[in-house]
């Protein structure tokens, strides 16, 4: 398996997990959506995973935009208070706080588990 396929598979797995989570939140918030999603669960898994991947892509983009706005606000505040210190080059990425890194690691592990479960389901068919 080449690295491009692996990265695409990982990204799709992330998007499927995000889409499934977004669907779960919708189910919990809206009884009508609950019935609609229960019917969808009876559909083919591949079709459902594609739908979740699309929803995950949208959710991923929203999360990226949200994080970028938070980082921009933080950068603006820190640049306003530390004008005398030289700023880091624009090419360096900001490091995430330790609690965010731990959460990312946990999410990555969950995505890997979901991916393995999907592989098992595909192999059983």
Protein backbone atom coordinates (compact mmCIF):
# COMPACT_ATOMS: atom_id res chain seq x y z
CA UNK A 1 0.00 0.00 0.00
CA UNK A 2 1.60 3.27 -1.01
CA UNK A 3 1.71 6.27 1.32
CA UNK A 4 -0.81 8.28 -0.74
CA UNK A 5 -3.40 5.51 -0.42
CA UNK A 6 -2.67 5.20 3.29
CA UNK A 7 -3.04 8.93 3.89
CA UNK A 8 -6.26 8.99 1.86
CA UNK A 9 -7.59 6.04 3.84
CA UNK A 10 -6.66 7.72 7.12
CA UNK A 11 -8.30 10.98 6.03
CA UNK A 12 -11.43 9.18 4.88
CA UNK A 13 -11.53 7.27 8.19
CA UNK A 14 -11.29 10.53 10.07
CA UNK A 15 -14.08 12.02 7.98
CA UNK A 16 -16.26 8.93 8.48
CA UNK A 17 -15.74 9.20 12.24
CA UNK A 18 -16.53 12.93 12.20
CA UNK A 19 -19.61 12.38 10.05
CA UNK A 20 -20.83 9.54 12.28
CA UNK A 21 -20.33 11.72 15.33
CA UNK A 22 -22.20 14.61 13.72
CA UNK A 23 -25.04 12.22 12.82
CA UNK A 24 -25.12 10.94 16.38
CA UNK A 25 -25.40 14.50 17.70
CA UNK A 26 -28.25 15.16 15.26
CA UNK A 27 -30.01 11.98 16.42
CA UNK A 28 -29.73 13.03 20.03
CA UNK A 29 -31.06 16.51 19.32
CA UNK A 30 -33.94 15.74 16.94
CA UNK A 31 -36.40 12.80 17.27
CA UNK A 32 -37.34 13.07 13.58
CA UNK A 33 -33.68 12.71 12.61
CA UNK A 34 -33.47 9.69 14.93
CA UNK A 35 -36.11 7.82 12.90
CA UNK A 36 -34.53 8.93 9.64
CA UNK A 37 -31.07 7.77 10.72
CA UNK A 38 -32.38 4.41 11.99
CA UNK A 39 -33.75 3.77 8.51
CA UNK A 40 -30.42 4.76 7.01
CA UNK A 41 -28.62 2.25 9.21
CA UNK A 42 -30.42 -0.46 7.28
CA UNK A 43 -28.75 0.75 4.07
CA UNK A 44 -25.50 -0.59 2.70
CA UNK A 45 -22.51 0.18 4.91
CA UNK A 46 -20.45 1.49 2.01
CA UNK A 47 -23.15 3.95 1.04
CA UNK A 48 -23.53 5.03 4.65
CA UNK A 49 -19.78 5.42 5.11
CA UNK A 50 -19.62 7.60 1.99
CA UNK A 51 -22.37 9.81 3.39
CA UNK A 52 -20.54 10.02 6.72
CA UNK A 53 -17.31 10.82 4.93
CA UNK A 54 -18.99 13.74 3.15
CA UNK A 55 -20.54 14.98 6.38
CA UNK A 56 -17.17 14.51 8.10
CA UNK A 57 -15.47 16.57 5.41
CA UNK A 58 -17.85 19.44 6.08
CA UNK A 59 -17.39 19.07 9.85
CA UNK A 60 -13.61 18.89 9.41
CA UNK A 61 -13.61 22.14 7.42
CA UNK A 62 -15.79 23.84 10.03
CA UNK A 63 -13.43 22.66 12.78
CA UNK A 64 -10.41 23.89 10.82
CA UNK A 65 -12.01 27.30 10.34
CA UNK A 66 -12.90 27.46 14.03
CA UNK A 67 -9.38 26.49 15.11
CA UNK A 68 -7.81 28.97 12.68
CA UNK A 69 -9.97 31.76 14.06
CA UNK A 70 -8.99 30.82 17.62
CA UNK A 71 -5.30 30.70 16.69
CA UNK A 72 -5.58 34.04 14.88
CA UNK A 73 -7.15 35.62 17.96
CA UNK A 74 -4.45 34.14 20.18
CA UNK A 75 -1.73 35.35 17.80
CA UNK A 76 -3.22 38.83 17.70
CA UNK A 77 -3.36 38.99 21.51
CA UNK A 78 0.17 37.68 21.96
CA UNK A 79 1.62 39.96 19.26
CA UNK A 80 -0.08 42.96 20.90
CA UNK A 81 1.39 42.20 24.33
CA UNK A 82 4.89 41.16 23.19
CA UNK A 83 5.79 43.74 20.59
CA UNK A 84 9.38 44.03 21.84
CA UNK A 85 10.17 40.33 21.34
CA UNK A 86 10.83 39.05 17.83
CA UNK A 87 8.07 36.89 16.42
CA UNK A 88 8.63 33.38 15.13
CA UNK A 89 8.71 32.83 11.37
CA UNK A 90 5.37 32.40 9.65
CA UNK A 91 6.33 28.94 8.40
CA UNK A 92 6.42 27.41 11.88
CA UNK A 93 3.18 25.91 13.09
CA UNK A 94 1.92 26.72 16.58
CA UNK A 95 2.26 23.88 19.05
CA UNK A 96 -0.90 22.56 20.60
CA UNK A 97 -1.33 22.59 24.38
CA UNK A 98 -0.64 19.21 26.03
CA UNK A 99 -4.32 18.53 26.76
CA UNK A 100 -5.18 19.06 23.09
CA UNK A 101 -2.36 16.74 22.05
CA UNK A 102 -3.65 14.04 24.41
CA UNK A 103 -7.17 14.47 23.04
CA UNK A 104 -5.85 14.21 19.47
CA UNK A 105 -4.03 11.00 20.37
CA UNK A 106 -7.21 9.55 21.89
CA UNK A 107 -9.22 10.51 18.80
CA UNK A 108 -6.58 8.98 16.57
CA UNK A 109 -6.80 5.73 18.54
CA UNK A 110 -10.59 5.76 18.25
CA UNK A 111 -10.35 6.33 14.49
CA UNK A 112 -7.93 3.43 14.19
CA UNK A 113 -10.36 1.20 16.10
CA UNK A 114 -13.26 2.29 13.86
CA UNK A 115 -11.14 1.65 10.80
CA UNK A 116 -10.25 -1.83 12.02
CA UNK A 117 -13.91 -2.56 12.73
CA UNK A 118 -14.89 -1.39 9.23
CA UNK A 119 -12.19 -3.61 7.73
CA UNK A 120 -13.53 -6.58 9.71
CA UNK A 121 -17.08 -5.86 8.53
CA UNK A 122 -15.91 -5.63 4.92
CA UNK A 123 -13.99 -8.90 5.25
CA UNK A 124 -17.06 -10.66 6.66
CA UNK A 125 -19.18 -9.69 3.63
